[in-house]
Amino acid sequence: MPTDFPKVADNAISHAMRLAKHTGAEVYLRFHVVANQDENGGDPA
C-alpha cells in the first residue's frame, strides 16, 4: 500500500502509538483517499 505521509505525520503516529502503549489506549487512523486527477484538475481519461 503506497503512502504519502510526510516525516511529521510519521512522527505523530509513532508518538501516538507509544503513548497508547503506556496508557492502554487505542489508536485509530483515518485515511482520506483522493482519486487521481490529470494535470488540468479533471478526471483522467
N, C-alpha and C. Protein backbone atom coordinates (compact mmCIF):
# COMPACT_ATOMS: atom_id res chain seq x y z
N MET A 1 0.85 -1.17 0.00
CA MET A 1 0.00 0.00 0.00
C MET A 1 0.90 1.23 0.00
N PRO A 2 0.84 2.03 -1.04
CA PRO A 2 1.65 3.25 -1.06
C PRO A 2 1.12 4.27 -0.07
N THR A 3 2.03 5.02 0.50
CA THR A 3 1.64 6.08 1.43
C THR A 3 2.30 7.38 1.00
N ASP A 4 1.70 8.46 1.39
CA ASP A 4 2.26 9.78 1.10
C ASP A 4 2.28 10.58 2.39
N PHE A 5 2.86 9.99 3.44
CA PHE A 5 2.91 10.66 4.73
C PHE A 5 4.23 11.39 4.88
N PRO A 6 4.20 12.66 5.20
CA PRO A 6 5.46 13.36 5.46
C PRO A 6 6.06 12.89 6.78
N LYS A 7 7.31 13.23 6.99
CA LYS A 7 8.01 12.79 8.21
C LYS A 7 7.29 13.25 9.47
N VAL A 8 6.69 14.43 9.45
CA VAL A 8 5.97 14.94 10.62
C VAL A 8 4.81 14.01 10.98
N ALA A 9 4.08 13.54 9.98
CA ALA A 9 2.96 12.63 10.23
C ALA A 9 3.47 11.29 10.77
N ASP A 10 4.57 10.79 10.22
CA ASP A 10 5.15 9.55 10.73
C ASP A 10 5.52 9.69 12.20
N ASN A 11 6.11 10.82 12.56
CA ASN A 11 6.48 11.05 13.96
C ASN A 11 5.25 11.13 14.85
N ALA A 12 4.19 11.77 14.37
CA ALA A 12 2.96 11.88 15.16
C ALA A 12 2.34 10.50 15.41
N ILE A 13 2.35 9.65 14.39
CA ILE A 13 1.81 8.30 14.54
C ILE A 13 2.66 7.51 15.53
N SER A 14 3.96 7.62 15.42
CA SER A 14 4.85 6.91 16.35
C SER A 14 4.62 7.36 17.78
N HIS A 15 4.47 8.66 17.98
CA HIS A 15 4.22 9.19 19.32
C HIS A 15 2.89 8.68 19.86
N ALA A 16 1.86 8.68 19.02
CA ALA A 16 0.55 8.20 19.44
C ALA A 16 0.61 6.73 19.84
N MET A 17 1.36 5.93 19.09
CA MET A 17 1.47 4.51 19.40
C MET A 17 2.20 4.29 20.73
N ARG A 18 3.27 5.05 20.97
CA ARG A 18 3.99 4.91 22.25
C ARG A 18 3.11 5.34 23.41
N LEU A 19 2.40 6.45 23.26
CA LEU A 19 1.52 6.94 24.32
C LEU A 19 0.41 5.93 24.61
N ALA A 20 -0.18 5.38 23.54
CA ALA A 20 -1.25 4.40 23.71
C ALA A 20 -0.75 3.15 24.43
N LYS A 21 0.46 2.73 24.11
CA LYS A 21 1.02 1.54 24.75
C LYS A 21 1.16 1.75 26.26
N HIS A 22 1.60 2.93 26.66
CA HIS A 22 1.81 3.22 28.08
C HIS A 22 0.52 3.49 28.83
N THR A 23 -0.52 3.91 28.15
CA THR A 23 -1.78 4.25 28.84
C THR A 23 -2.87 3.22 28.62
N GLY A 24 -2.62 2.22 27.77
CA GLY A 24 -3.63 1.21 27.48
C GLY A 24 -4.72 1.70 26.54
N ALA A 25 -4.45 2.79 25.84
CA ALA A 25 -5.43 3.36 24.92
C ALA A 25 -5.32 2.70 23.55
N GLU A 26 -6.26 3.04 22.68
CA GLU A 26 -6.24 2.56 21.30
C GLU A 26 -6.00 3.74 20.37
N VAL A 27 -5.38 3.45 19.24
CA VAL A 27 -5.12 4.48 18.23
C VAL A 27 -5.94 4.14 16.99
N TYR A 28 -6.67 5.11 16.50
CA TYR A 28 -7.45 4.94 15.28
C TYR A 28 -6.88 5.86 14.22
N LEU A 29 -6.63 5.31 13.04
CA LEU A 29 -6.14 6.12 11.92
C LEU A 29 -7.27 6.30 10.92
N ARG A 30 -7.39 7.50 10.42
CA ARG A 30 -8.40 7.80 9.43
C ARG A 30 -7.70 8.17 8.14
N PHE A 31 -8.09 7.55 7.07
CA PHE A 31 -7.46 7.80 5.77
C PHE A 31 -8.44 8.53 4.86
N HIS A 32 -7.91 9.48 4.13
CA HIS A 32 -8.70 10.20 3.13
C HIS A 32 -8.10 9.83 1.78
N VAL A 33 -8.89 9.17 0.95
CA VAL A 33 -8.41 8.72 -0.35
C VAL A 33 -8.92 9.68 -1.41
N VAL A 34 -8.00 10.16 -2.24
CA VAL A 34 -8.33 11.11 -3.29
C VAL A 34 -8.09 10.43 -4.63
N ALA A 35 -9.05 10.54 -5.52
CA ALA A 35 -8.91 9.95 -6.85
C ALA A 35 -7.84 10.70 -7.63
N ASN A 36 -7.15 9.99 -8.52
CA ASN A 36 -6.16 10.63 -9.38
C ASN A 36 -6.83 11.64 -10.28
N GLN A 37 -6.13 12.73 -10.54
CA GLN A 37 -6.62 13.74 -11.46
C GLN A 37 -5.54 14.04 -12.48
N ASP A 38 -5.96 14.49 -13.67
CA ASP A 38 -4.95 14.88 -14.66
C ASP A 38 -4.38 16.24 -14.29
N GLU A 39 -3.44 16.74 -15.08
CA GLU A 39 -2.77 18.00 -14.78
C GLU A 39 -3.72 19.19 -14.77
N ASN A 40 -4.85 19.10 -15.46
CA ASN A 40 -5.80 20.21 -15.53
C ASN A 40 -6.85 20.13 -14.42
N GLY A 41 -6.72 19.17 -13.52
CA GLY A 41 -7.65 19.06 -12.41
C GLY A 41 -8.88 18.24 -12.71
N GLY A 42 -8.96 17.67 -13.91
CA GLY A 42 -10.12 16.86 -14.27
C GLY A 42 -9.85 15.39 -14.06
N ASP A 43 -10.87 14.59 -14.25
CA ASP A 43 -10.71 13.14 -14.13
C ASP A 43 -9.86 12.63 -15.28
N PRO A 44 -9.03 11.62 -15.02
CA PRO A 44 -8.22 11.06 -16.11
C PRO A 44 -9.12 10.37 -17.13
N ALA A 45 -8.70 10.38 -18.37
CA ALA A 45 -9.49 9.78 -19.46
C ALA A 45 -9.35 8.28 -19.46
